[in-house]
Amino acid sequence: MLHKWKAYCLNFTLNFDSNAIMEYINAFIDAFWGMVNWTWRSITFDVPWYNNYFWGLIVISLLVWALEIMFPWRKNQKIIRKDFWLDAFYMFFNFFIFAIFINGFYRLSELGFSEIGIKINSLTLIDVNQLPTWAALLIFFVILDFVQWFTHVLLHKVPAFWQFHKVHHSVKEMGFAAHLRFHWMENILYKPLKTLGVMVLGGFEPEQAYIVHFVAIAIGHFNHANLKITWGPLKYIFNNPVMHLYHHAYHLPKGSYGVNFGISLSLWDYLFGTHHIPEDSGTIELGFEGDDKFPKDFIGQNLYGFKREK
């Protein structure tokens, strides 16, 4: 049996087109350096302002932080709260540093799927390309948000995924930067399902997608901010800091694996009965059972999910 397997591997290697190998290698390198170049150009203001995700993130962060300072919900919480700088590092690591390293692998996966006949328009269920731009963007936003809500539920419900998601729930004091404190493996888990969402829309990736991106970042920052905002009647549509605080609660409803999973929209939690807002004092304990033994540093937190639980 072993000899047959070796022979199969040898035959595959000899027959595999060397040009195909070089195509994959070049695609990986091009994607990697393309992201490096794009990030550097963003830092140096060499891309249009509406596509400048680097400075866009900084501007949104400073604006929401200023609101936290002027109108704090938990008035005894310090401006430079617990783990503020750790969360600030997570923001830039997850959005830029990790994006640079993973971009080449995303490009390889695209080529791999293309080789077996799966392309961006293979699963089209809704063709939004014929709609007005505003309508197409709205559908794009809603579909992707639902995909992220569903993925978020899985992060809590699947034990192996929860081990990685604990990083986000290790926050003990909420602030805007806690939005992007998450394990890099979550990018690996979210990306395929978000890509599936794009494929359902016929591969719709508009030039105006920066609008969706910045709106999602702003809402996410507000959801984690030290601000008491509920959006009034719109709370049944949009997520908010009061609702999301209970997502991070140490004490969850009995028998629950989590509540308030909404990313930008609270709509899904109300539709599927996963909403829970018992009061709005903002003084609840945050975290999860056993978080006193959870690593406090970036490296320890990012290695934790790969270890077997005793």
C-alpha atoms as a PDB file:
ATOM      1  CA  MET A   1       0.000   0.000   0.000  1.00  0.00           C
ATOM      2  CA  LEU A   2       2.818   2.361   0.921  1.00  0.00           C
ATOM      3  CA  HIS A   3       4.592   1.655  -2.379  1.00  0.00           C
ATOM      4  CA  LYS A   4       1.407   2.462  -4.321  1.00  0.00           C
ATOM      5  CA  TRP A   5       1.042   5.775  -2.465  1.00  0.00           C
ATOM      6  CA  LYS A   6       4.673   6.729  -3.169  1.00  0.00           C
ATOM      7  CA  ALA A   7       4.214   5.844  -6.834  1.00  0.00           C
ATOM      8  CA  TYR A   8       1.058   7.970  -7.012  1.00  0.00           C
ATOM      9  CA  CYS A   9       2.828  10.959  -5.452  1.00  0.00           C
ATOM     10  CA  LEU A  10       5.801  10.597  -7.779  1.00  0.00           C
ATOM     11  CA  ASN A  11       3.556  10.354 -10.835  1.00  0.00           C
ATOM     12  CA  PHE A  12       1.564  13.422  -9.723  1.00  0.00           C
ATOM     13  CA  THR A  13       4.761  15.408  -9.195  1.00  0.00           C
ATOM     14  CA  LEU A  14       6.217  14.491 -12.579  1.00  0.00           C
ATOM     15  CA  ASN A  15       3.024  15.298 -14.439  1.00  0.00           C
ATOM     16  CA  PHE A  16       2.177  18.506 -12.651  1.00  0.00           C
ATOM     17  CA  ASP A  17       2.850  21.427 -14.954  1.00  0.00           C
ATOM     18  CA  SER A  18       5.808  23.453 -13.674  1.00  0.00           C
ATOM     19  CA  ASN A  19       4.221  26.513 -15.268  1.00  0.00           C
ATOM     20  CA  ALA A  20       1.191  26.052 -13.010  1.00  0.00           C
ATOM     21  CA  ILE A  21       3.462  25.950  -9.976  1.00  0.00           C
ATOM     22  CA  MET A  22       5.124  29.183 -11.010  1.00  0.00           C
ATOM     23  CA  GLU A  23       1.713  30.743 -11.636  1.00  0.00           C
ATOM     24  CA  TYR A  24       0.712  30.009  -8.053  1.00  0.00           C
ATOM     25  CA  ILE A  25       4.009  31.234  -6.649  1.00  0.00           C
ATOM     26  CA  ASN A  26       3.850  34.459  -8.659  1.00  0.00           C
ATOM     27  CA  ALA A  27       0.207  34.999  -7.697  1.00  0.00           C
ATOM     28  CA  PHE A  28       1.114  34.629  -4.013  1.00  0.00           C
ATOM     29  CA  ILE A  29       4.052  37.041  -4.288  1.00  0.00           C
ATOM     30  CA  ASP A  30       2.064  39.585  -6.302  1.00  0.00           C
ATOM     31  CA  ALA A  31      -0.818  39.529  -3.824  1.00  0.00           C
ATOM     32  CA  PHE A  32       1.544  39.861  -0.844  1.00  0.00           C
ATOM     33  CA  TRP A  33       3.518  42.780  -2.232  1.00  0.00           C
ATOM     34  CA  GLY A  34       0.376  44.326  -3.665  1.00  0.00           C
ATOM     35  CA  MET A  35      -1.077  44.562  -0.160  1.00  0.00           C
ATOM     36  CA  VAL A  36       2.222  45.888   1.216  1.00  0.00           C
ATOM     37  CA  ASN A  37       2.254  48.566  -1.469  1.00  0.00           C
ATOM     38  CA  TRP A  38      -1.405  49.473  -0.953  1.00  0.00           C
ATOM     39  CA  THR A  39      -0.919  49.791   2.819  1.00  0.00           C
ATOM     40  CA  TRP A  40       2.159  51.990   2.393  1.00  0.00           C
ATOM     41  CA  ARG A  41       0.403  54.160  -0.159  1.00  0.00           C
ATOM     42  CA  SER A  42      -2.505  54.538   2.272  1.00  0.00           C
ATOM     43  CA  ILE A  43      -0.171  55.646   5.071  1.00  0.00           C
ATOM     44  CA  THR A  44       1.499  58.189   2.781  1.00  0.00           C
ATOM     45  CA  PHE A  45      -1.837  59.568   1.465  1.00  0.00           C
ATOM     46  CA  ASP A  46      -1.185  58.190  -2.018  1.00  0.00           C
ATOM     47  CA  VAL A  47      -4.690  56.692  -2.424  1.00  0.00           C
ATOM     48  CA  PRO A  48      -8.049  58.512  -2.681  1.00  0.00           C
ATOM     49  CA  TRP A  49      -9.367  59.558   0.734  1.00  0.00           C
ATOM     50  CA  TYR A  50     -12.506  57.449   0.349  1.00  0.00           C
ATOM     51  CA  ASN A  51     -10.380  54.318  -0.171  1.00  0.00           C
ATOM     52  CA  ASN A  52      -7.876  55.146   2.558  1.00  0.00           C
ATOM     53  CA  TYR A  53      -8.775  52.520   5.145  1.00  0.00           C
ATOM     54  CA  PHE A  54      -5.675  53.246   7.246  1.00  0.00           C
ATOM     55  CA  TRP A  55      -6.418  56.895   7.982  1.00  0.00           C
ATOM     56  CA  GLY A  56     -10.142  56.230   7.836  1.00  0.00           C
ATOM     57  CA  LEU A  57      -9.772  53.837  10.780  1.00  0.00           C
ATOM     58  CA  ILE A  58      -7.748  56.425  12.690  1.00  0.00           C
ATOM     59  CA  VAL A  59     -10.256  59.240  12.055  1.00  0.00           C
ATOM     60  CA  ILE A  60     -13.260  57.118  13.075  1.00  0.00           C
ATOM     61  CA  SER A  61     -11.387  55.900  16.177  1.00  0.00           C
ATOM     62  CA  LEU A  62     -10.457  59.421  17.288  1.00  0.00           C
ATOM     63  CA  LEU A  63     -14.005  60.712  16.768  1.00  0.00           C
ATOM     64  CA  VAL A  64     -15.616  57.893  18.784  1.00  0.00           C
ATOM     65  CA  TRP A  65     -12.932  58.181  21.488  1.00  0.00           C
ATOM     66  CA  ALA A  66     -13.618  61.932  21.733  1.00  0.00           C
ATOM     67  CA  LEU A  67     -17.310  61.173  22.286  1.00  0.00           C
ATOM     68  CA  GLU A  68     -16.354  58.644  24.992  1.00  0.00           C
ATOM     69  CA  ILE A  69     -14.317  61.328  26.756  1.00  0.00           C
ATOM     70  CA  MET A  70     -17.062  63.979  26.510  1.00  0.00           C
ATOM     71  CA  PHE A  71     -20.080  61.756  27.247  1.00  0.00           C
ATOM     72  CA  PRO A  72     -18.901  58.695  29.214  1.00  0.00           C
ATOM     73  CA  TRP A  73     -21.540  56.142  30.165  1.00  0.00           C
ATOM     74  CA  ARG A  74     -19.423  54.619  32.954  1.00  0.00           C
ATOM     75  CA  LYS A  75     -18.040  57.821  34.468  1.00  0.00           C
ATOM     76  CA  ASN A  76     -15.583  56.037  36.761  1.00  0.00           C
ATOM     77  CA  GLN A  77     -13.832  54.386  33.804  1.00  0.00           C
ATOM     78  CA  LYS A  78     -10.498  55.961  32.908  1.00  0.00           C
ATOM     79  CA  ILE A  79      -9.917  57.599  29.536  1.00  0.00           C
ATOM     80  CA  ILE A  80      -6.956  55.255  29.035  1.00  0.00           C
ATOM     81  CA  ARG A  81      -8.904  52.237  30.241  1.00  0.00           C
ATOM     82  CA  LYS A  82      -7.600  48.775  31.068  1.00  0.00           C
ATOM     83  CA  ASP A  83      -5.854  47.191  28.047  1.00  0.00           C
ATOM     84  CA  PHE A  84      -6.351  50.321  25.909  1.00  0.00           C
ATOM     85  CA  TRP A  85      -2.950  50.004  24.202  1.00  0.00           C
ATOM     86  CA  LEU A  86      -3.306  46.253  23.724  1.00  0.00           C
ATOM     87  CA  ASP A  87      -6.596  46.827  21.901  1.00  0.00           C
ATOM     88  CA  ALA A  88      -5.064  49.635  19.836  1.00  0.00           C
ATOM     89  CA  PHE A  89      -2.348  47.219  18.683  1.00  0.00           C
ATOM     90  CA  TYR A  90      -4.983  44.592  17.836  1.00  0.00           C
ATOM     91  CA  MET A  91      -6.735  47.170  15.629  1.00  0.00           C
ATOM     92  CA  PHE A  92      -3.716  47.704  13.420  1.00  0.00           C
ATOM     93  CA  PHE A  93      -2.546  44.097  13.534  1.00  0.00           C
ATOM     94  CA  ASN A  94      -5.865  42.615  12.425  1.00  0.00           C
ATOM     95  CA  PHE A  95      -6.661  45.241   9.813  1.00  0.00           C
ATOM     96  CA  PHE A  96      -3.252  45.719   8.236  1.00  0.00           C
ATOM     97  CA  ILE A  97      -0.357  43.544   9.418  1.00  0.00           C
ATOM     98  CA  PHE A  98      -2.243  40.245   9.298  1.00  0.00           C
ATOM     99  CA  ALA A  99      -4.040  41.315   6.098  1.00  0.00           C
ATOM    100  CA  ILE A 100      -0.652  41.640   4.402  1.00  0.00           C
ATOM    101  CA  PHE A 101       0.425  38.126   5.382  1.00  0.00           C
ATOM    102  CA  ILE A 102      -2.861  36.398   4.562  1.00  0.00           C
ATOM    103  CA  ASN A 103      -3.603  38.136   1.260  1.00  0.00           C
ATOM    104  CA  GLY A 104      -1.371  35.789  -0.724  1.00  0.00           C
ATOM    105  CA  PHE A 105      -3.189  32.731   0.636  1.00  0.00           C
ATOM    106  CA  TYR A 106      -6.570  34.233  -0.263  1.00  0.00           C
ATOM    107  CA  ARG A 107      -5.334  34.692  -3.823  1.00  0.00           C
ATOM    108  CA  LEU A 108      -4.181  31.062  -3.948  1.00  0.00           C
ATOM    109  CA  SER A 109      -7.593  29.870  -2.751  1.00  0.00           C
ATOM    110  CA  GLU A 110      -9.263  31.890  -5.531  1.00  0.00           C
ATOM    111  CA  LEU A 111      -7.032  30.249  -8.126  1.00  0.00           C
ATOM    112  CA  GLY A 112      -7.647  26.817  -6.623  1.00  0.00           C
ATOM    113  CA  PHE A 113     -11.423  27.173  -6.746  1.00  0.00           C
ATOM    114  CA  SER A 114     -11.206  28.559 -10.261  1.00  0.00           C
ATOM    115  CA  GLU A 115      -9.267  25.464 -11.340  1.00  0.00           C
ATOM    116  CA  ILE A 116     -12.187  23.215 -10.293  1.00  0.00           C
ATOM    117  CA  GLY A 117     -14.779  25.446 -11.935  1.00  0.00           C
ATOM    118  CA  ILE A 118     -15.983  27.460  -8.935  1.00  0.00           C
ATOM    119  CA  LYS A 119     -15.944  31.150  -9.823  1.00  0.00           C
ATOM    120  CA  ILE A 120     -17.264  34.318  -8.213  1.00  0.00           C
ATOM    121  CA  ASN A 121     -20.597  34.069 -10.075  1.00  0.00           C
ATOM    122  CA  SER A 122     -21.058  30.299  -9.683  1.00  0.00           C
ATOM    123  CA  LEU A 123     -23.630  30.569  -6.871  1.00  0.00           C
ATOM    124  CA  THR A 124     -25.538  33.661  -7.965  1.00  0.00           C
ATOM    125  CA  LEU A 125     -28.989  33.801  -6.357  1.00  0.00           C
ATOM    126  CA  ILE A 126     -29.551  37.567  -6.463  1.00  0.00           C
ATOM    127  CA  ASP A 127     -28.218  39.622  -9.361  1.00  0.00           C
ATOM    128  CA  VAL A 128     -27.927  43.102  -7.874  1.00  0.00           C
ATOM    129  CA  ASN A 129     -25.834  44.522 -10.691  1.00  0.00           C
ATOM    130  CA  GLN A 130     -28.973  45.732 -12.491  1.00  0.00           C
ATOM    131  CA  LEU A 131     -30.277  47.648  -9.452  1.00  0.00           C
ATOM    132  CA  PRO A 132     -29.631  51.305  -8.581  1.00  0.00           C
ATOM    133  CA  THR A 133     -26.305  51.669  -6.760  1.00  0.00           C
ATOM    134  CA  TRP A 134     -27.914  52.640  -3.440  1.00  0.00           C
ATOM    135  CA  ALA A 135     -30.191  49.574  -3.500  1.00  0.00           C
ATOM    136  CA  ALA A 136     -27.347  47.241  -4.462  1.00  0.00           C
ATOM    137  CA  LEU A 137     -25.156  48.625  -1.658  1.00  0.00           C
ATOM    138  CA  LEU A 138     -27.987  48.209   0.857  1.00  0.00           C
ATOM    139  CA  ILE A 139     -28.509  44.560  -0.116  1.00  0.00           C
ATOM    140  CA  PHE A 140     -24.727  44.039  -0.072  1.00  0.00           C
ATOM    141  CA  PHE A 141     -24.563  45.472   3.465  1.00  0.00           C
ATOM    142  CA  VAL A 142     -27.515  43.431   4.782  1.00  0.00           C
ATOM    143  CA  ILE A 143     -26.389  40.111   3.262  1.00  0.00           C
ATOM    144  CA  LEU A 144     -22.817  40.460   4.537  1.00  0.00           C
ATOM    145  CA  ASP A 145     -24.057  41.485   7.978  1.00  0.00           C
ATOM    146  CA  PHE A 146     -26.266  38.397   8.190  1.00  0.00           C
ATOM    147  CA  VAL A 147     -23.326  36.196   7.161  1.00  0.00           C
ATOM    148  CA  GLN A 148     -21.228  37.786   9.922  1.00  0.00           C
ATOM    149  CA  TRP A 149     -24.061  37.358  12.460  1.00  0.00           C
ATOM    150  CA  PHE A 150     -24.294  33.659  11.560  1.00  0.00           C
ATOM    151  CA  THR A 151     -20.516  33.244  11.782  1.00  0.00           C
ATOM    152  CA  HIS A 152     -20.540  35.003  15.142  1.00  0.00           C
ATOM    153  CA  VAL A 153     -23.129  32.522  16.431  1.00  0.00           C
ATOM    154  CA  LEU A 154     -20.849  29.677  15.321  1.00  0.00           C
ATOM    155  CA  LEU A 155     -17.905  31.255  17.159  1.00  0.00           C
ATOM    156  CA  HIS A 156     -19.891  30.879  20.379  1.00  0.00           C
ATOM    157  CA  LYS A 157     -21.615  27.580  19.696  1.00  0.00           C
ATOM    158  CA  VAL A 158     -18.734  25.494  18.296  1.00  0.00           C
ATOM    159  CA  PRO A 159     -16.285  24.720  21.147  1.00  0.00           C
ATOM    160  CA  ALA A 160     -13.171  24.794  18.924  1.00  0.00           C
ATOM    161  CA  PHE A 161     -14.156  28.205  17.517  1.00  0.00           C
ATOM    162  CA  TRP A 162     -14.990  29.544  20.974  1.00  0.00           C
ATOM    163  CA  GLN A 163     -11.401  28.878  22.069  1.00  0.00           C
ATOM    164  CA  PHE A 164     -10.277  31.518  19.556  1.00  0.00           C
ATOM    165  CA  HIS A 165     -13.207  33.878  20.176  1.00  0.00           C
ATOM    166  CA  LYS A 166     -12.305  34.050  23.876  1.00  0.00           C
ATOM    167  CA  VAL A 167      -9.715  36.665  22.908  1.00  0.00           C
ATOM    168  CA  HIS A 168     -12.486  39.122  22.075  1.00  0.00           C
ATOM    169  CA  HIS A 169     -14.381  38.289  25.260  1.00  0.00           C
ATOM    170  CA  SER A 170     -11.320  38.742  27.456  1.00  0.00           C
ATOM    171  CA  VAL A 171     -12.079  42.492  27.445  1.00  0.00           C
ATOM    172  CA  LYS A 172     -12.792  43.606  31.031  1.00  0.00           C
ATOM    173  CA  GLU A 173     -13.487  47.295  30.343  1.00  0.00           C
ATOM    174  CA  MET A 174     -15.310  48.287  27.166  1.00  0.00           C
ATOM    175  CA  GLY A 175     -14.081  50.984  24.815  1.00  0.00           C
ATOM    176  CA  PHE A 176     -14.097  51.651  21.078  1.00  0.00           C
ATOM    177  CA  ALA A 177     -10.805  49.813  20.393  1.00  0.00           C
ATOM    178  CA  ALA A 178     -12.188  46.587  21.905  1.00  0.00           C
ATOM    179  CA  HIS A 179     -14.098  46.286  18.627  1.00  0.00           C
ATOM    180  CA  LEU A 180     -11.032  44.915  16.854  1.00  0.00           C
ATOM    181  CA  ARG A 181      -9.521  42.843  19.646  1.00  0.00           C
ATOM    182  CA  PHE A 182      -9.975  39.405  18.120  1.00  0.00           C
ATOM    183  CA  HIS A 183      -7.872  36.369  17.279  1.00  0.00           C
ATOM    184  CA  TRP A 184      -6.461  36.351  13.742  1.00  0.00           C
ATOM    185  CA  MET A 185      -8.091  32.948  13.183  1.00  0.00           C
ATOM    186  CA  GLU A 186     -11.436  34.747  13.097  1.00  0.00           C
ATOM    187  CA  ASN A 187     -10.336  36.316   9.809  1.00  0.00           C
ATOM    188  CA  ILE A 188      -9.831  32.782   8.487  1.00  0.00           C
ATOM    189  CA  LEU A 189     -13.311  31.765   9.646  1.00  0.00           C
ATOM    190  CA  TYR A 190     -15.164  34.893   8.487  1.00  0.00           C
ATOM    191  CA  LYS A 191     -13.559  35.292   5.062  1.00  0.00           C
ATOM    192  CA  PRO A 192     -14.918  32.137   3.335  1.00  0.00           C
ATOM    193  CA  LEU A 193     -18.489  32.834   4.448  1.00  0.00           C
ATOM    194  CA  LYS A 194     -18.244  36.512   3.475  1.00  0.00           C
ATOM    195  CA  THR A 195     -16.939  35.412   0.082  1.00  0.00           C
ATOM    196  CA  LEU A 196     -19.933  33.079  -0.173  1.00  0.00           C
ATOM    197  CA  GLY A 197     -22.183  36.069   0.507  1.00  0.00           C
ATOM    198  CA  VAL A 198     -20.535  37.972  -2.355  1.00  0.00           C
ATOM    199  CA  MET A 199     -20.955  34.946  -4.653  1.00  0.00           C
ATOM    200  CA  VAL A 200     -24.679  34.794  -3.856  1.00  0.00           C
ATOM    201  CA  LEU A 201     -24.906  38.402  -5.086  1.00  0.00           C
ATOM    202  CA  GLY A 202     -23.319  37.502  -8.412  1.00  0.00           C
ATOM    203  CA  GLY A 203     -19.841  38.597  -7.385  1.00  0.00           C
ATOM    204  CA  PHE A 204     -21.027  42.105  -6.571  1.00  0.00           C
ATOM    205  CA  GLU A 205     -18.037  44.058  -5.234  1.00  0.00           C
ATOM    206  CA  PRO A 206     -18.776  47.702  -6.109  1.00  0.00           C
ATOM    207  CA  GLU A 207     -16.279  50.538  -6.188  1.00  0.00           C
ATOM    208  CA  GLN A 208     -18.506  52.166  -3.567  1.00  0.00           C
ATOM    209  CA  ALA A 209     -17.901  49.265  -1.119  1.00  0.00           C
ATOM    210  CA  TYR A 210     -15.829  51.698   0.970  1.00  0.00           C
ATOM    211  CA  ILE A 211     -19.190  53.141   2.142  1.00  0.00           C
ATOM    212  CA  VAL A 212     -20.204  49.760   3.578  1.00  0.00           C
ATOM    213  CA  HIS A 213     -16.742  49.313   5.087  1.00  0.00           C
ATOM    214  CA  PHE A 214     -16.658  52.654   6.900  1.00  0.00           C
ATOM    215  CA  VAL A 215     -20.274  52.370   8.097  1.00  0.00           C
ATOM    216  CA  ALA A 216     -19.530  48.927   9.563  1.00  0.00           C
ATOM    217  CA  ILE A 217     -16.365  50.196  11.281  1.00  0.00           C
ATOM    218  CA  ALA A 218     -18.198  53.188  12.772  1.00  0.00           C
ATOM    219  CA  ILE A 219     -21.103  51.072  14.068  1.00  0.00           C
ATOM    220  CA  GLY A 220     -18.680  48.493  15.498  1.00  0.00           C
ATOM    221  CA  HIS A 221     -16.713  51.210  17.297  1.00  0.00           C
ATOM    222  CA  PHE A 222     -19.902  52.691  18.742  1.00  0.00           C
ATOM    223  CA  ASN A 223     -21.096  49.250  19.885  1.00  0.00           C
ATOM    224  CA  HIS A 224     -17.984  48.817  22.023  1.00  0.00           C
ATOM    225  CA  ALA A 225     -17.675  52.433  23.158  1.00  0.00           C
ATOM    226  CA  ASN A 226     -18.244  53.787  26.651  1.00  0.00           C
ATOM    227  CA  LEU A 227     -21.375  55.558  25.403  1.00  0.00           C
ATOM    228  CA  LYS A 228     -25.011  55.072  26.346  1.00  0.00           C
ATOM    229  CA  ILE A 229     -26.661  55.008  22.926  1.00  0.00           C
ATOM    230  CA  THR A 230     -29.703  52.965  21.898  1.00  0.00           C
ATOM    231  CA  TRP A 231     -30.754  54.793  18.672  1.00  0.00           C
ATOM    232  CA  GLY A 232     -34.353  55.057  19.933  1.00  0.00           C
ATOM    233  CA  PRO A 233     -36.861  53.061  17.822  1.00  0.00           C
ATOM    234  CA  LEU A 234     -33.990  52.140  15.476  1.00  0.00           C
ATOM    235  CA  LYS A 235     -32.605  49.854  18.206  1.00  0.00           C
ATOM    236  CA  TYR A 236     -34.614  47.045  16.594  1.00  0.00           C
ATOM    237  CA  ILE A 237     -32.557  47.493  13.433  1.00  0.00           C
ATOM    238  CA  PHE A 238     -29.122  48.752  14.485  1.00  0.00           C
ATOM    239  CA  ASN A 239     -26.862  47.309  17.151  1.00  0.00           C
ATOM    240  CA  ASN A 240     -25.876  49.667  19.981  1.00  0.00           C
ATOM    241  CA  PRO A 241     -23.534  49.929  23.009  1.00  0.00           C
ATOM    242  CA  VAL A 242     -26.215  49.004  25.570  1.00  0.00           C
ATOM    243  CA  MET A 243     -27.230  45.887  23.676  1.00  0.00           C
ATOM    244  CA  HIS A 244     -23.687  44.824  22.869  1.00  0.00           C
ATOM    245  CA  LEU A 245     -22.478  45.255  26.444  1.00  0.00           C
ATOM    246  CA  TYR A 246     -24.675  42.293  27.370  1.00  0.00           C
ATOM    247  CA  HIS A 247     -23.039  40.242  24.645  1.00  0.00           C
ATOM    248  CA  HIS A 248     -19.845  40.606  26.700  1.00  0.00           C
ATOM    249  CA  ALA A 249     -21.543  39.892  30.053  1.00  0.00           C
ATOM    250  CA  TYR A 250     -19.781  37.457  32.379  1.00  0.00           C
ATOM    251  CA  HIS A 251     -23.130  36.078  33.561  1.00  0.00           C
ATOM    252  CA  LEU A 252     -25.306  34.909  30.677  1.00  0.00           C
ATOM    253  CA  PRO A 253     -28.909  33.644  30.820  1.00  0.00           C
ATOM    254  CA  LYS A 254     -29.024  30.082  32.110  1.00  0.00           C
ATOM    255  CA  GLY A 255     -28.409  27.523  29.378  1.00  0.00           C
ATOM    256  CA  SER A 256     -27.304  30.161  26.873  1.00  0.00           C
ATOM    257  CA  TYR A 257     -24.104  30.066  24.813  1.00  0.00           C
ATOM    258  CA  GLY A 258     -24.416  33.790  24.145  1.00  0.00           C
ATOM    259  CA  VAL A 259     -26.788  36.670  23.395  1.00  0.00           C
ATOM    260  CA  ASN A 260     -26.918  39.756  21.156  1.00  0.00           C
ATOM    261  CA  PHE A 261     -24.723  38.426  18.353  1.00  0.00           C
ATOM    262  CA  GLY A 262     -25.438  41.350  16.014  1.00  0.00           C
ATOM    263  CA  ILE A 263     -22.500  42.980  14.236  1.00  0.00           C
ATOM    264  CA  SER A 264     -23.996  46.107  12.671  1.00  0.00           C
ATOM    265  CA  LEU A 265     -27.654  45.090  12.754  1.00  0.00           C
ATOM    266  CA  SER A 266     -29.623  44.006  15.828  1.00  0.00           C
ATOM    267  CA  LEU A 267     -32.395  42.870  13.493  1.00  0.00           C
ATOM    268  CA  TRP A 268     -31.179  39.268  13.393  1.00  0.00           C
ATOM    269  CA  ASP A 269     -31.195  38.902  17.188  1.00  0.00           C
ATOM    270  CA  TYR A 270     -34.775  40.118  17.409  1.00  0.00           C
ATOM    271  CA  LEU A 271     -35.833  37.864  14.530  1.00  0.00           C
ATOM    272  CA  PHE A 272     -34.164  34.742  15.935  1.00  0.00           C
ATOM    273  CA  GLY A 273     -34.812  35.408  19.629  1.00  0.00           C
ATOM    274  CA  THR A 274     -31.207  35.858  20.744  1.00  0.00           C
ATOM    275  CA  HIS A 275     -31.703  39.396  22.141  1.00  0.00           C
ATOM    276  CA  HIS A 276     -31.268  40.046  25.860  1.00  0.00           C
ATOM    277  CA  ILE A 277     -31.185  43.481  27.552  1.00  0.00           C
ATOM    278  CA  PRO A 278     -32.373  43.155  31.183  1.00  0.00           C
ATOM    279  CA  GLU A 279     -31.264  46.685  32.268  1.00  0.00           C
ATOM    280  CA  ASP A 280     -29.050  49.568  31.165  1.00  0.00           C
ATOM    281  CA  SER A 281     -26.869  50.617  34.104  1.00  0.00           C
ATOM    282  CA  GLY A 282     -23.679  49.631  32.272  1.00  0.00           C
ATOM    283  CA  THR A 283     -22.163  48.295  35.495  1.00  0.00           C
ATOM    284  CA  ILE A 284     -22.210  44.562  34.770  1.00  0.00           C
ATOM    285  CA  GLU A 285     -19.124  42.349  34.987  1.00  0.00           C
ATOM    286  CA  LEU A 286     -17.556  41.472  31.645  1.00  0.00           C
ATOM    287  CA  GLY A 287     -15.641  38.405  30.506  1.00  0.00           C
ATOM    288  CA  PHE A 288     -16.225  34.664  30.743  1.00  0.00           C
ATOM    289  CA  GLU A 289     -15.861  31.911  33.303  1.00  0.00           C
ATOM    290  CA  GLY A 290     -12.180  31.187  33.889  1.00  0.00           C
ATOM    291  CA  ASP A 291     -10.944  34.436  32.316  1.00  0.00           C
ATOM    292  CA  ASP A 292      -8.757  35.042  35.369  1.00  0.00           C
ATOM    293  CA  LYS A 293      -6.451  32.339  33.946  1.00  0.00           C
ATOM    294  CA  PHE A 294      -6.613  33.651  30.390  1.00  0.00           C
ATOM    295  CA  PRO A 295      -3.340  35.160  29.029  1.00  0.00           C
ATOM    296  CA  LYS A 296      -3.056  38.942  29.348  1.00  0.00           C
ATOM    297  CA  ASP A 297      -0.520  39.517  26.569  1.00  0.00           C
ATOM    298  CA  PHE A 298      -0.921  39.508  22.783  1.00  0.00           C
ATOM    299  CA  ILE A 299       1.275  36.453  22.088  1.00  0.00           C
ATOM    300  CA  GLY A 300      -0.244  34.366  24.861  1.00  0.00           C
ATOM    301  CA  GLN A 301      -3.768  35.206  23.746  1.00  0.00           C
ATOM    302  CA  ASN A 302      -3.045  34.258  20.146  1.00  0.00           C
ATOM    303  CA  LEU A 303      -1.486  30.928  21.105  1.00  0.00           C
ATOM    304  CA  TYR A 304      -4.247  29.997  23.543  1.00  0.00           C
ATOM    305  CA  GLY A 305      -6.766  28.685  20.990  1.00  0.00           C
ATOM    306  CA  PHE A 306      -4.283  26.140  19.617  1.00  0.00           C
ATOM    307  CA  LYS A 307      -3.780  24.464  22.985  1.00  0.00           C
ATOM    308  CA  ARG A 308      -5.829  21.530  24.141  1.00  0.00           C
ATOM    309  CA  GLU A 309      -8.059  22.186  27.107  1.00  0.00           C
ATOM    310  CA  LYS A 310      -7.259  20.089  30.144  1.00  0.00           C
END
